[in-house]
Structures are given as C-alpha cells and as structure tokens.
C-alpha cells in the first residue's frame, strides 16, 4: 500500500465533518419509512466512527450510538436500525456496498459491520445514518492482494493513552503522516480513579467494575478529538493490555487478590471485555464469552508482511516475584495453544516480514547497574524460558520484528539469542513504542540520569527516549524505515511534533540500526 495524500486532503476538507444536511439524508430512505421512525435524541454519533482489521476483500466498520456518552449512552432501551454506506469516493457518488445493521441495547447500541467483497489495496469512504442523523465520514483501506509481493506499507504503532496524564496530541501528527494502518498494542483506557491533579479528569467516582462504568470510561476516551479523527482516517488493529481491566492482572488473577475475590474479578473481566468489544472495530470472532475473549489473530498484507497480534494477558501464569521464579520453565505468557499458533504462523509464513504485536517488551531490561540482574517481571523477562524458546525459533524465521508497548518509553533493541551472553547472535529487532500520553511530559534530564547508567548492562538497546508520541514504519521488501515521532507536550490541546530518531532494519540482516 502507498500513502494517499490527495485522497486524505479531500477527506479532511470534505469528509471529516458531520454531514447533517437534510437533503443528503433524503437519499437514504423513502418517505414512508422515514415517517415511521421514532426520533432519537440529537448527537447519536458523538463517539464518531472507525474501521479495523483490514483484509484484502473486507474491513470492519464501527460506530456506537450514544447521545449522552458519559452517562450510559442516553439511548432508549430498544433495537435501533442503523444504515451504512461504503463508497469509492468521499462524496458517496460511487457506492459499492450498503446495508442496515441493528444497534442493540444489550451491546451498548454498538454497530460492527464486517463488509466483504471489496477490492484489494483500495481506499474507501463510509458513513452511518439513523433517525435522520448522519455520522462523520470515515476513510478506510483494504489490505493488498494475498499474492502481492511489491509495494509498501505505512504503519503506525501506538499504545498507552492515559486521559488524566494529557491530551492525545500525537494523533494529530499521525493524521498528517497518513498511515495505511494503525497498530494499537494496549492500554486504550486506564481504570484508575479520577484525580484532581490530572491534566484531564476521569469520569465517575472510582475505578470501573461494572459494564456501565467501563462503557462510560471508553466513551470518555472516544471523545478525544485527535483520537476520533485518527480513527476516522485509517483502519486500526487493536489489542488490550492490563489497564483495560486491572493493572498487572494475569488471566483470572487480579493485581490485588486479597481485595478482589475470584468471583468478583471474573465479573469484572466479563464487563471489561464486553465494553472493549463494544468500542473497538473488531470482528465477531472477538465477541466475548463471559470472562474470555479471542484477541490473538493474524492479518496479512500481501506477501510483504504478516502481522501476528498476541494476547499476553489472558493466558499467562501469574507473575514471578523473584529471579528464580522468572526462570521457571513452567511459566507461560501465551498459553500452550497460542504459543503453538504463533510458532506455526512464523514458520509457515510466506511473507517477507514477520511482525509480532506484543503488548509487553520482549528484549531484556536489566535494571541493576553492574553485576547481577534485576528484571521487570510483568514483561517477557518474567517468563524467560518461553521468551528464550521464541528467540531460538527466530533464527529460522524470515525477518522477525516485534512491536510492543507498555513501557511509556521508546526502547528499541536488538533481539539476541541469549541475553546471558552479550555476544550471542542477533535474531531480530524490537520497537517498544512510547506512550500517547501516559507519564505526561517527563523530565528528560531526570530520565537520562536514571536510565543512562544502565546502558552498559544492556548493550542490545539501540535507542532510549522518554518523549510522548508513536512510531511510524515504512515497510518495503528491502527494509523497514522507522521514525520515532514525538510531541513537545501533551499538557495542552495542541503540540509541536518532530522526529527524534530514524532507524533502519535491513531485510535479511537481523537487528536494527540508528541512521
């Protein structure tokens, strides 16, 4: 895929605004059908539109009807028909698909339309209508043909957007960079209580536990204008980490089991997963089954790239609390079934690049200066036997690159066969993306004082940075060109973006280099 700048400019000038003209709405339904409608409150499309999980012939279209988004949605307790259109142009003169979806109250009046029969590697525009109201216009794009081996793919990596820590200003720059797809690897919301000292204040009075509370928290995040604009401009591939439920949870074990009994936490998982599904552009395969949801999946971008999206929360063993525990071979991050799925997908891949979206960091982080080791047990360092098995397998995988989040820092590393041996072979590269807003505007000098002394103990680190932002990748057959895009502040609604570093991964040469 290639970036479509002219299309994007037309979209921004004509398609991003809410299209409320009555004349346009008249084209959708005959007069008799319009007269039979029961009017809904104004502003049903307050949460915007988005698309996701692009296929060569399809894409998921999303919206949620919520005229009172922070107070349960404000919709009547009934099923509401929502019409949708997909066109080849932003003026909707060349319609290619249309239909009616049912927004059901038991699913928060969310709408997921899995459109199929589309042309590969094409830009489309879409919109929704109900009760005489038109949604904002969204733009999306299908994946390349399965046998396409050329071209390029522009991909953005994002994670960790804490409402209270700042505005989501990096998305404004991401919009200008016009990626083909956005990979979001977790912490879309934060479950923390409202703070009087935050840049913005969380809704509610405490942490969310019920479905209604999680819906309100997601709705608040969806109202951020920069996030909404980015959702309307490119398809997202999303997964969750811990804060979509509870900090540092593992499977059905909460962070504080003495305060959250098992049955209560299972109820919380059930509510959190349903709210996640209701607010994300994902397929019906991700529809939750109580406290379980299927999120690991694979997306193909022709023969150029295969994207393996992991779930590093639901199947993991409880976190280790010691070095010996972190090396326990019985601990698993992925669970047996997902581990086999990933290994099979890497070995059998026809793609030039094998990308792995992992919510947490895979490369080692040795926090102890000098002799000895001190690890983050919540990351892959806490599951070293399984991590080391993957690093061994990477030697037989074509161009593996791991895309991670969680750290609230940019940490870009070589992946090595054995971190106990600094001279062991490099088997891949990892990009740990910084946060959209989590940790706010950090003190850069304090960050350097804390982290620079650790670099000699972590020679695989190629770049560390503590600005807020995201990573941008241009994937081609010969290599991946990466940019670390940052903003000067998230404490204000607008910011100034810049490129803090450029990096390169050469095809056939494991590892990453700063250029």
Protein backbone atom coordinates (compact mmCIF):
# COMPACT_ATOMS: atom_id res chain seq x y z
CA UNK A 1 0.00 0.00 0.00
CA UNK A 2 1.07 3.57 -0.55
CA UNK A 3 0.00 6.70 1.29
CA UNK A 4 -2.84 8.53 -0.44
CA UNK A 5 -2.14 12.16 0.30
CA UNK A 6 -4.55 13.71 -2.25
CA UNK A 7 -7.36 11.49 -1.02
CA UNK A 8 -6.51 12.34 2.55
CA UNK A 9 -6.66 16.08 1.88
CA UNK A 10 -10.05 15.74 0.23
CA UNK A 11 -11.17 13.65 3.18
CA UNK A 12 -10.02 16.23 5.71
CA UNK A 13 -11.72 19.10 3.92
CA UNK A 14 -14.96 17.40 2.95
CA UNK A 15 -15.35 14.17 4.82
CA UNK A 16 -14.34 14.68 8.42
CA UNK A 17 -17.20 17.00 9.32
CA UNK A 18 -20.53 15.61 10.47
CA UNK A 19 -22.77 15.52 7.40
CA UNK A 20 -26.10 16.66 8.77
CA UNK A 21 -27.70 18.08 5.64
CA UNK A 22 -31.33 17.02 5.28
CA UNK A 23 -31.03 16.85 1.51
CA UNK A 24 -28.34 14.18 1.78
CA UNK A 25 -30.38 12.22 4.31
CA UNK A 26 -33.34 12.15 1.94
CA UNK A 27 -31.41 9.89 -0.41
CA UNK A 28 -31.36 7.08 2.11
CA UNK A 29 -34.98 6.15 2.81
CA UNK A 30 -38.40 6.56 1.18
CA UNK A 31 -40.79 8.99 2.87
CA UNK A 32 -42.98 6.25 4.36
CA UNK A 33 -40.04 4.64 6.10
CA UNK A 34 -38.82 8.00 7.41
CA UNK A 35 -42.23 8.82 8.81
CA UNK A 36 -42.34 5.51 10.68
CA UNK A 37 -39.12 6.22 12.54
CA UNK A 38 -39.22 7.18 16.22
CA UNK A 39 -36.86 10.14 16.61
CA UNK A 40 -33.76 9.63 18.71
CA UNK A 41 -32.02 12.29 20.80
CA UNK A 42 -29.66 14.57 18.92
CA UNK A 43 -25.98 13.68 18.76
CA UNK A 44 -26.25 9.89 18.47
CA UNK A 45 -22.88 9.77 16.66
CA UNK A 46 -20.97 11.61 19.41
CA UNK A 47 -18.36 8.81 19.56
CA UNK A 48 -17.52 9.02 15.86
CA UNK A 49 -16.69 6.17 13.53
CA UNK A 50 -13.79 3.81 12.99
CA UNK A 51 -12.67 0.81 10.97
CA UNK A 52 -10.37 -2.08 11.65
CA UNK A 53 -8.72 -5.41 10.84
CA UNK A 54 -8.41 -4.87 7.07
CA UNK A 55 -8.50 -7.89 4.77
CA UNK A 56 -7.82 -7.97 1.01
CA UNK A 57 -11.58 -8.10 0.43
CA UNK A 58 -13.06 -6.61 3.59
CA UNK A 59 -12.90 -4.41 6.65
CA UNK A 60 -14.86 -3.87 9.86
CA UNK A 61 -16.84 -0.62 10.20
CA UNK A 62 -17.77 0.61 13.68
CA UNK A 63 -19.86 3.17 15.47
CA UNK A 64 -21.82 3.36 18.71
CA UNK A 65 -25.00 5.37 19.23
CA UNK A 66 -24.51 7.50 22.37
CA UNK A 67 -26.16 10.94 22.59
CA UNK A 68 -25.22 11.08 26.30
CA UNK A 69 -21.91 9.19 26.18
CA UNK A 70 -20.67 9.67 29.76
CA UNK A 71 -23.95 8.67 31.36
CA UNK A 72 -24.73 5.27 29.92
CA UNK A 73 -25.18 6.44 26.34
CA UNK A 74 -28.61 8.02 26.60
CA UNK A 75 -30.33 5.66 24.15
CA UNK A 76 -33.82 4.17 24.51
CA UNK A 77 -33.98 0.52 25.54
CA UNK A 78 -34.78 -0.84 22.09
CA UNK A 79 -33.12 -2.11 18.95
CA UNK A 80 -32.32 0.68 16.50
CA UNK A 81 -31.71 0.07 12.78
CA UNK A 82 -28.61 1.86 11.50
CA UNK A 83 -27.98 2.21 7.79
CA UNK A 84 -24.46 2.23 6.43
CA UNK A 85 -22.84 3.07 3.12
CA UNK A 86 -19.40 2.36 1.66
CA UNK A 87 -18.21 4.23 -1.42
CA UNK A 88 -15.17 4.69 -3.63
CA UNK A 89 -15.31 8.47 -3.18
CA UNK A 90 -15.82 10.81 -0.25
CA UNK A 91 -18.94 12.32 -1.84
CA UNK A 92 -20.59 8.88 -2.00
CA UNK A 93 -21.37 9.11 -5.69
CA UNK A 94 -19.85 5.66 -6.34
CA UNK A 95 -21.49 3.40 -3.76
CA UNK A 96 -20.12 -0.14 -3.63
CA UNK A 97 -21.89 -1.54 -0.54
CA UNK A 98 -24.81 -0.53 1.65
CA UNK A 99 -26.98 -2.18 4.26
CA UNK A 100 -28.69 -1.95 7.63
CA UNK A 101 -27.23 -3.10 10.94
CA UNK A 102 -29.04 -3.47 14.26
CA UNK A 103 -27.77 -1.43 17.22
CA UNK A 104 -28.87 -3.48 20.20
CA UNK A 105 -29.17 -2.12 23.76
CA UNK A 106 -27.56 -5.22 25.31
CA UNK A 107 -24.37 -4.33 23.38
CA UNK A 108 -24.43 -0.63 24.20
CA UNK A 109 -26.00 0.19 20.81
CA UNK A 110 -22.65 -0.50 19.19
CA UNK A 111 -22.50 -1.39 15.50
CA UNK A 112 -19.97 -3.73 13.88
CA UNK A 113 -20.31 -4.22 10.13
CA UNK A 114 -17.98 -6.77 8.55
CA UNK A 115 -18.02 -5.65 4.92
CA UNK A 116 -16.79 -8.19 2.37
CA UNK A 117 -16.49 -8.40 -1.41
CA UNK A 118 -14.26 -5.34 -1.70
CA UNK A 119 -11.27 -4.79 -3.96
CA UNK A 120 -7.79 -5.30 -2.54
CA UNK A 121 -5.49 -2.38 -1.74
CA UNK A 122 -8.22 0.25 -2.19
CA UNK A 123 -9.32 3.32 -0.28
CA UNK A 124 -13.00 3.55 0.64
CA UNK A 125 -15.21 6.00 2.50
CA UNK A 126 -18.07 5.06 4.79
CA UNK A 127 -20.80 6.59 6.95
CA UNK A 128 -23.83 5.65 9.04
CA UNK A 129 -27.36 7.05 9.34
CA UNK A 130 -30.22 6.64 11.78
CA UNK A 131 -33.25 8.72 12.76
CA UNK A 132 -32.36 11.41 10.22
CA UNK A 133 -28.84 11.86 11.64
CA UNK A 134 -25.67 11.25 9.66
CA UNK A 135 -22.38 10.17 11.18
CA UNK A 136 -19.00 11.69 10.42
CA UNK A 137 -17.44 10.25 7.28
CA UNK A 138 -14.70 7.70 7.77
CA UNK A 139 -11.94 6.62 5.43
CA UNK A 140 -10.52 3.11 5.37
CA UNK A 141 -8.36 0.86 3.25
CA UNK A 142 -8.26 -2.82 2.38
CA UNK A 143 -5.12 -4.95 2.54
CA UNK A 144 -3.19 -5.87 -0.62
CA UNK A 145 -3.99 -8.94 -2.67
CA UNK A 146 -2.71 -12.12 -0.94
CA UNK A 147 -0.17 -12.75 -3.70
CA UNK A 148 1.02 -9.16 -4.00
CA UNK A 149 4.73 -9.04 -3.24
CA UNK A 150 5.67 -5.45 -4.02
CA UNK A 151 4.57 -2.04 -2.87
CA UNK A 152 4.94 -0.60 0.59
CA UNK A 153 3.03 -0.41 3.85
CA UNK A 154 2.97 2.61 6.13
CA UNK A 155 2.17 1.50 9.67
CA UNK A 156 1.89 3.43 12.94
CA UNK A 157 2.48 1.85 16.36
CA UNK A 158 0.64 3.35 19.34
CA UNK A 159 -0.15 2.45 22.94
CA UNK A 160 -0.81 3.77 26.44
CA UNK A 161 -3.14 6.76 26.32
CA UNK A 162 -3.96 7.94 29.83
CA UNK A 163 -6.71 10.57 29.76
CA UNK A 164 -5.59 12.16 33.02
CA UNK A 165 -1.93 12.43 32.02
CA UNK A 166 -2.54 14.55 28.94
CA UNK A 167 -4.23 15.22 25.64
CA UNK A 168 -3.82 12.72 22.82
CA UNK A 169 -1.94 15.22 20.65
CA UNK A 170 0.39 12.67 18.96
CA UNK A 171 -2.62 11.55 16.90
CA UNK A 172 -2.77 14.96 15.23
CA UNK A 173 0.69 14.37 13.82
CA UNK A 174 -0.15 10.75 12.99
CA UNK A 175 -3.07 12.02 10.93
CA UNK A 176 -0.69 14.20 8.91
CA UNK A 177 1.65 11.24 8.36
CA UNK A 178 -1.26 9.29 6.83
CA UNK A 179 -0.52 5.66 7.79
CA UNK A 180 -2.27 2.81 5.97
CA UNK A 181 -2.97 1.08 9.29
CA UNK A 182 -2.54 1.82 12.99
CA UNK A 183 -1.45 -1.00 15.32
CA UNK A 184 -2.56 -0.27 18.89
CA UNK A 185 -0.98 -2.67 21.40
CA UNK A 186 -2.76 -1.88 24.63
CA UNK A 187 -3.87 0.47 27.40
CA UNK A 188 -6.54 2.16 25.32
CA UNK A 189 -8.17 3.27 28.58
CA UNK A 190 -6.94 3.42 32.16
CA UNK A 191 -9.00 2.05 35.01
CA UNK A 192 -7.58 4.47 37.58
CA UNK A 193 -9.76 6.64 39.80
CA UNK A 194 -10.41 10.31 38.99
CA UNK A 195 -7.57 12.61 40.01
CA UNK A 196 -7.97 16.28 40.91
CA UNK A 197 -4.37 16.93 39.81
CA UNK A 198 -4.61 15.39 36.34
CA UNK A 199 -4.45 17.37 33.12
CA UNK A 200 -7.94 16.00 32.49
CA UNK A 201 -10.16 14.21 34.99
CA UNK A 202 -11.55 10.71 34.61
CA UNK A 203 -15.32 10.45 34.67
CA UNK A 204 -17.07 8.67 37.51
CA UNK A 205 -16.15 8.43 41.16
CA UNK A 206 -13.74 5.47 41.24
CA UNK A 207 -12.36 2.57 39.23
CA UNK A 208 -14.76 0.91 36.78
CA UNK A 209 -16.05 -2.52 37.78
CA UNK A 210 -19.44 -2.83 36.08
CA UNK A 211 -20.32 -2.84 32.39
CA UNK A 212 -21.97 0.57 32.69
CA UNK A 213 -18.83 2.02 34.31
CA UNK A 214 -16.49 0.59 31.65
CA UNK A 215 -18.80 1.91 28.92
CA UNK A 216 -18.62 5.39 30.36
CA UNK A 217 -14.82 5.25 30.60
CA UNK A 218 -14.43 4.10 26.98
CA UNK A 219 -16.90 6.74 25.85
CA UNK A 220 -14.89 9.46 27.57
CA UNK A 221 -11.72 8.38 25.78
CA UNK A 222 -13.55 8.19 22.47
CA UNK A 223 -14.45 11.88 22.77
CA UNK A 224 -10.83 13.00 22.43
CA UNK A 225 -10.87 14.88 19.10
CA UNK A 226 -7.43 13.79 17.89
CA UNK A 227 -8.14 10.12 18.61
CA UNK A 228 -11.54 10.39 16.91
CA UNK A 229 -10.02 11.99 13.81
CA UNK A 230 -7.36 9.28 13.54
CA UNK A 231 -9.95 6.53 13.94
CA UNK A 232 -11.91 8.10 11.08
CA UNK A 233 -8.87 8.27 8.81
CA UNK A 234 -7.30 4.77 8.83
CA UNK A 235 -8.12 1.24 9.98
CA UNK A 236 -6.89 0.21 13.44
CA UNK A 237 -5.67 -3.21 14.57
CA UNK A 238 -6.24 -3.23 18.33
CA UNK A 239 -5.44 -5.42 21.28
CA UNK A 240 -5.55 -4.85 25.03
CA UNK A 241 -3.01 -4.95 27.83
CA UNK A 242 -3.76 -4.66 31.55
CA UNK A 243 -5.35 -1.24 32.09
CA UNK A 244 -8.37 -2.10 30.01
CA UNK A 245 -9.23 -4.31 33.01
CA UNK A 246 -6.96 -4.00 36.06
CA UNK A 247 -3.28 -3.11 36.47
CA UNK A 248 -0.94 -6.11 36.09
CA UNK A 249 -3.67 -8.75 36.06
CA UNK A 250 -2.79 -12.25 34.84
CA UNK A 251 -5.52 -14.48 33.45
CA UNK A 252 -8.21 -14.53 36.14
CA UNK A 253 -5.85 -13.25 38.86
CA UNK A 254 -6.15 -9.55 39.76
CA UNK A 255 -3.33 -7.34 40.93
CA UNK A 256 -4.74 -7.46 44.48
CA UNK A 257 -6.46 -10.84 45.01
CA UNK A 258 -6.89 -10.09 48.72
CA UNK A 259 -9.21 -7.22 47.75
CA UNK A 260 -10.86 -8.76 44.67
CA UNK A 261 -12.24 -12.26 45.28
CA UNK A 262 -12.17 -14.60 42.28
CA UNK A 263 -15.89 -14.41 41.51
CA UNK A 264 -15.87 -10.63 41.71
CA UNK A 265 -12.86 -10.40 39.41
CA UNK A 266 -14.43 -12.79 36.88
CA UNK A 267 -17.45 -10.46 36.82
CA UNK A 268 -15.09 -7.53 36.27
CA UNK A 269 -13.34 -9.32 33.41
CA UNK A 270 -16.72 -10.07 31.83
CA UNK A 271 -17.73 -6.42 31.97
CA UNK A 272 -14.36 -5.14 30.77
CA UNK A 273 -14.14 -7.49 27.79
CA UNK A 274 -17.67 -6.69 26.65
CA UNK A 275 -17.01 -2.95 26.87
CA UNK A 276 -13.76 -3.42 24.95
CA UNK A 277 -15.61 -5.27 22.18
CA UNK A 278 -18.39 -2.68 22.09
CA UNK A 279 -15.92 0.16 21.47
CA UNK A 280 -13.41 -1.46 19.10
CA UNK A 281 -13.57 -2.12 15.32
CA UNK A 282 -13.09 -5.89 15.63
CA UNK A 283 -14.83 -8.87 14.05
CA UNK A 284 -17.47 -11.09 15.60
CA UNK A 285 -14.70 -13.63 16.30
CA UNK A 286 -13.74 -11.28 19.15
CA UNK A 287 -17.20 -11.32 20.70
CA UNK A 288 -16.55 -12.22 24.34
CA UNK A 289 -17.74 -15.36 26.05
CA UNK A 290 -18.11 -14.16 29.61
CA UNK A 291 -14.62 -13.63 31.07
CA UNK A 292 -12.95 -14.84 27.85
CA UNK A 293 -12.30 -13.11 24.55
CA UNK A 294 -10.36 -14.22 21.45
CA UNK A 295 -7.93 -11.47 20.56
CA UNK A 296 -4.87 -13.21 19.10
CA UNK A 297 -5.23 -13.19 15.34
CA UNK A 298 -3.25 -12.85 12.14
CA UNK A 299 -3.51 -10.25 9.39
CA UNK A 300 -1.82 -10.46 6.01
CA UNK A 301 -0.57 -7.54 3.93
CA UNK A 302 0.13 -9.45 0.73
CA UNK A 303 3.46 -11.24 0.67
CA UNK A 304 5.07 -8.13 2.13
CA UNK A 305 4.12 -8.52 5.80
CA UNK A 306 2.32 -10.89 8.14
CA UNK A 307 1.11 -9.33 11.41
CA UNK A 308 0.66 -11.68 14.38
CA UNK A 309 -1.35 -9.97 17.13
CA UNK A 310 -0.72 -11.55 20.53
CA UNK A 311 -2.74 -11.70 23.74
CA UNK A 312 -0.22 -11.51 26.57
CA UNK A 313 -2.76 -11.15 29.42
CA UNK A 314 -5.48 -13.76 29.23
CA UNK A 315 -3.43 -16.96 29.21
CA UNK A 316 -0.37 -16.02 31.24
CA UNK A 317 0.73 -17.58 34.50
CA UNK A 318 0.76 -15.29 37.50
CA UNK A 319 3.80 -13.03 37.56
CA UNK A 320 7.02 -14.17 39.14
CA UNK A 321 8.34 -12.31 42.16
CA UNK A 322 11.99 -13.41 42.07
CA UNK A 323 14.80 -14.17 39.65
CA UNK A 324 14.36 -17.89 40.19
CA UNK A 325 10.65 -17.56 39.51
CA UNK A 326 11.27 -15.64 36.30
CA UNK A 327 13.35 -18.58 35.03
CA UNK A 328 10.76 -21.21 35.97
CA UNK A 329 10.18 -23.26 32.77
CA UNK A 330 6.57 -23.94 33.75
CA UNK A 331 5.55 -20.27 33.47
CA UNK A 332 3.82 -19.22 30.27
CA UNK A 333 2.96 -15.85 28.78
CA UNK A 334 0.84 -17.10 25.90
CA UNK A 335 -0.53 -20.47 26.94
CA UNK A 336 0.08 -23.68 25.01
CA UNK A 337 -2.47 -23.14 22.23
CA UNK A 338 -1.50 -19.54 21.43
CA UNK A 339 2.21 -20.42 21.59
CA UNK A 340 1.75 -23.19 19.02
CA UNK A 341 -0.39 -20.88 16.86
CA UNK A 342 2.37 -18.26 16.85
CA UNK A 343 5.21 -20.66 16.12
CA UNK A 344 3.28 -22.31 13.29
CA UNK A 345 2.43 -18.92 11.83
CA UNK A 346 6.05 -17.80 11.91
CA UNK A 347 7.46 -20.98 10.39
CA UNK A 348 4.85 -21.28 7.64
CA UNK A 349 4.79 -17.60 6.72
CA UNK A 350 5.16 -16.67 3.04
CA UNK A 351 5.73 -13.03 3.99
CA UNK A 352 8.90 -11.03 3.60
CA UNK A 353 8.43 -9.51 7.09
CA UNK A 354 7.02 -11.33 10.10
CA UNK A 355 5.71 -8.77 12.55
CA UNK A 356 4.63 -9.62 16.09
CA UNK A 357 2.40 -7.21 18.03
CA UNK A 358 3.28 -7.97 21.66
CA UNK A 359 1.74 -5.81 24.35
CA UNK A 360 4.82 -6.01 26.57
CA UNK A 361 8.58 -5.84 25.95
CA UNK A 362 10.38 -8.98 24.76
CA UNK A 363 14.02 -7.81 24.93
CA UNK A 364 15.77 -7.93 28.29
CA UNK A 365 15.68 -4.98 30.66
CA UNK A 366 18.40 -5.29 33.30
CA UNK A 367 17.65 -2.57 35.83
CA UNK A 368 20.64 -3.30 38.05
CA UNK A 369 23.81 -1.32 37.34
CA UNK A 370 26.86 -3.57 37.45
CA UNK A 371 26.95 -7.24 38.50
CA UNK A 372 23.73 -9.18 38.77
CA UNK A 373 20.30 -8.81 37.18
CA UNK A 374 17.06 -7.08 38.12
CA UNK A 375 14.11 -7.55 35.76
CA UNK A 376 10.57 -6.32 35.13
CA UNK A 377 8.64 -9.47 35.98
CA UNK A 378 5.44 -8.31 34.30
CA UNK A 379 7.22 -8.24 30.91
CA UNK A 380 8.75 -11.14 28.95
CA UNK A 381 11.70 -11.00 31.38
CA UNK A 382 9.37 -12.65 33.90
CA UNK A 383 8.73 -15.57 31.51
CA UNK A 384 12.25 -16.22 30.34
CA UNK A 385 12.03 -19.90 29.40
CA UNK A 386 9.21 -19.22 26.97
CA UNK A 387 10.82 -16.00 25.72
CA UNK A 388 14.12 -17.79 25.11
CA UNK A 389 12.33 -20.54 23.18
CA UNK A 390 10.92 -17.92 20.82
CA UNK A 391 14.31 -16.27 20.38
CA UNK A 392 15.75 -19.65 19.41
CA UNK A 393 12.96 -20.13 16.89
CA UNK A 394 13.54 -16.65 15.43
CA UNK A 395 16.76 -17.94 13.88
CA UNK A 396 14.56 -19.90 11.45
CA UNK A 397 12.07 -17.08 10.81
CA UNK A 398 12.34 -14.61 7.94
CA UNK A 399 12.85 -11.05 9.18
CA UNK A 400 11.10 -11.12 12.59
CA UNK A 401 10.26 -7.72 14.10
CA UNK A 402 8.44 -7.29 17.42
CA UNK A 403 6.21 -4.25 18.02
CA UNK A 404 5.49 -3.58 21.69
CA UNK A 405 4.12 -1.03 24.13
CA UNK A 406 3.53 -0.80 27.92
CA UNK A 407 6.79 0.94 28.93
CA UNK A 408 5.80 4.58 28.32
CA UNK A 409 9.27 4.89 26.81
CA UNK A 410 10.81 4.38 23.42
CA UNK A 411 13.10 1.36 23.83
CA UNK A 412 14.45 -0.02 20.56
CA UNK A 413 16.61 -3.13 20.77
CA UNK A 414 18.29 -5.98 19.02
CA UNK A 415 16.72 -9.30 19.94
CA UNK A 416 19.52 -11.70 20.92
CA UNK A 417 19.55 -15.46 21.07
CA UNK A 418 20.76 -15.47 24.67
CA UNK A 419 20.81 -12.35 26.86
CA UNK A 420 23.07 -14.11 29.32
CA UNK A 421 25.70 -13.94 26.57
CA UNK A 422 26.09 -10.39 25.17
CA UNK A 423 27.99 -11.85 22.20
CA UNK A 424 25.20 -14.22 21.18
CA UNK A 425 23.64 -13.91 17.76
CA UNK A 426 21.17 -11.16 16.91
CA UNK A 427 17.95 -12.85 15.76
CA UNK A 428 15.55 -9.92 15.29
CA UNK A 429 14.56 -6.38 16.23
CA UNK A 430 12.09 -4.89 18.69
CA UNK A 431 10.42 -1.49 18.73
CA UNK A 432 8.88 -0.62 22.08
CA UNK A 433 6.70 2.37 21.32
CA UNK A 434 6.46 5.26 23.71
CA UNK A 435 3.07 6.27 25.07
CA UNK A 436 0.50 8.59 23.53
CA UNK A 437 0.10 10.43 26.85
CA UNK A 438 0.89 8.13 29.80
CA UNK A 439 3.51 9.63 32.17
CA UNK A 440 2.76 13.08 30.71
CA UNK A 441 5.59 15.45 29.91
CA UNK A 442 8.58 13.75 31.50
CA UNK A 443 11.66 15.46 32.88
CA UNK A 444 14.19 14.50 30.21
CA UNK A 445 17.25 15.20 32.35
CA UNK A 446 15.89 13.07 35.19
CA UNK A 447 15.17 10.29 32.71
CA UNK A 448 18.77 10.36 31.48
CA UNK A 449 20.15 10.30 34.99
CA UNK A 450 18.07 7.21 35.76
CA UNK A 451 18.49 5.23 32.55
CA UNK A 452 21.89 6.11 31.01
CA UNK A 453 23.87 4.28 33.75
CA UNK A 454 22.01 1.08 32.80
CA UNK A 455 23.03 1.11 29.16
CA UNK A 456 26.37 -0.71 29.59
CA UNK A 457 24.42 -3.60 31.15
CA UNK A 458 22.01 -3.62 28.21
CA UNK A 459 24.22 -3.40 25.10
CA UNK A 460 21.31 -4.59 22.91
CA UNK A 461 19.48 -1.27 23.47
CA UNK A 462 19.86 0.92 20.39
CA UNK A 463 17.70 3.89 21.41
CA UNK A 464 16.03 5.18 24.58
CA UNK A 465 13.77 8.22 24.73
CA UNK A 466 11.08 9.49 27.11
CA UNK A 467 9.02 11.86 24.94
CA UNK A 468 5.36 11.16 24.20
CA UNK A 469 4.48 10.05 20.69
CA UNK A 470 4.37 6.99 18.46
CA UNK A 471 6.45 5.06 15.94
CA UNK A 472 5.98 5.23 12.18
CA UNK A 473 7.17 2.48 9.83
CA UNK A 474 7.56 2.36 6.07
CA UNK A 475 7.75 -1.34 5.24
CA UNK A 476 9.25 -2.34 1.88
CA UNK A 477 10.80 -5.54 0.60
CA UNK A 478 14.37 -4.32 1.11
CA UNK A 479 13.88 -2.92 4.59
CA UNK A 480 11.84 -1.10 7.21
CA UNK A 481 12.46 2.59 7.72
CA UNK A 482 11.26 3.69 11.15
CA UNK A 483 10.72 7.11 12.67
CA UNK A 484 10.22 7.93 16.33
CA UNK A 485 7.67 10.74 16.15
CA UNK A 486 7.26 12.81 19.32
CA UNK A 487 5.46 15.93 20.52
CA UNK A 488 6.74 18.71 22.74
CA UNK A 489 3.80 18.50 25.16
CA UNK A 490 0.61 16.64 25.98
CA UNK A 491 -0.44 19.14 28.64
CA UNK A 492 -2.06 21.37 26.05
CA UNK A 493 -4.65 20.53 23.36
CA UNK A 494 -2.12 21.28 20.62
CA UNK A 495 1.57 20.46 20.30
CA UNK A 496 4.56 20.66 18.01
CA UNK A 497 5.71 17.33 16.51
CA UNK A 498 9.20 16.28 15.47
CA UNK A 499 11.27 13.23 14.58
CA UNK A 500 13.59 12.36 17.44
CA UNK A 501 15.28 9.48 15.60
CA UNK A 502 15.28 7.46 12.38
CA UNK A 503 16.15 3.77 12.27
CA UNK A 504 16.51 1.03 9.69
CA UNK A 505 16.01 -2.73 9.64
CA UNK A 506 17.56 -4.34 6.57
CA UNK A 507 15.90 -7.40 5.07
CA UNK A 508 17.99 -10.49 5.72
CA UNK A 509 20.08 -8.75 8.37
CA UNK A 510 18.67 -9.22 11.91
CA UNK A 511 18.76 -6.22 14.19
CA UNK A 512 18.17 -2.50 13.92
CA UNK A 513 20.41 0.48 13.34
CA UNK A 514 20.06 4.18 14.05
CA UNK A 515 20.57 6.15 10.82
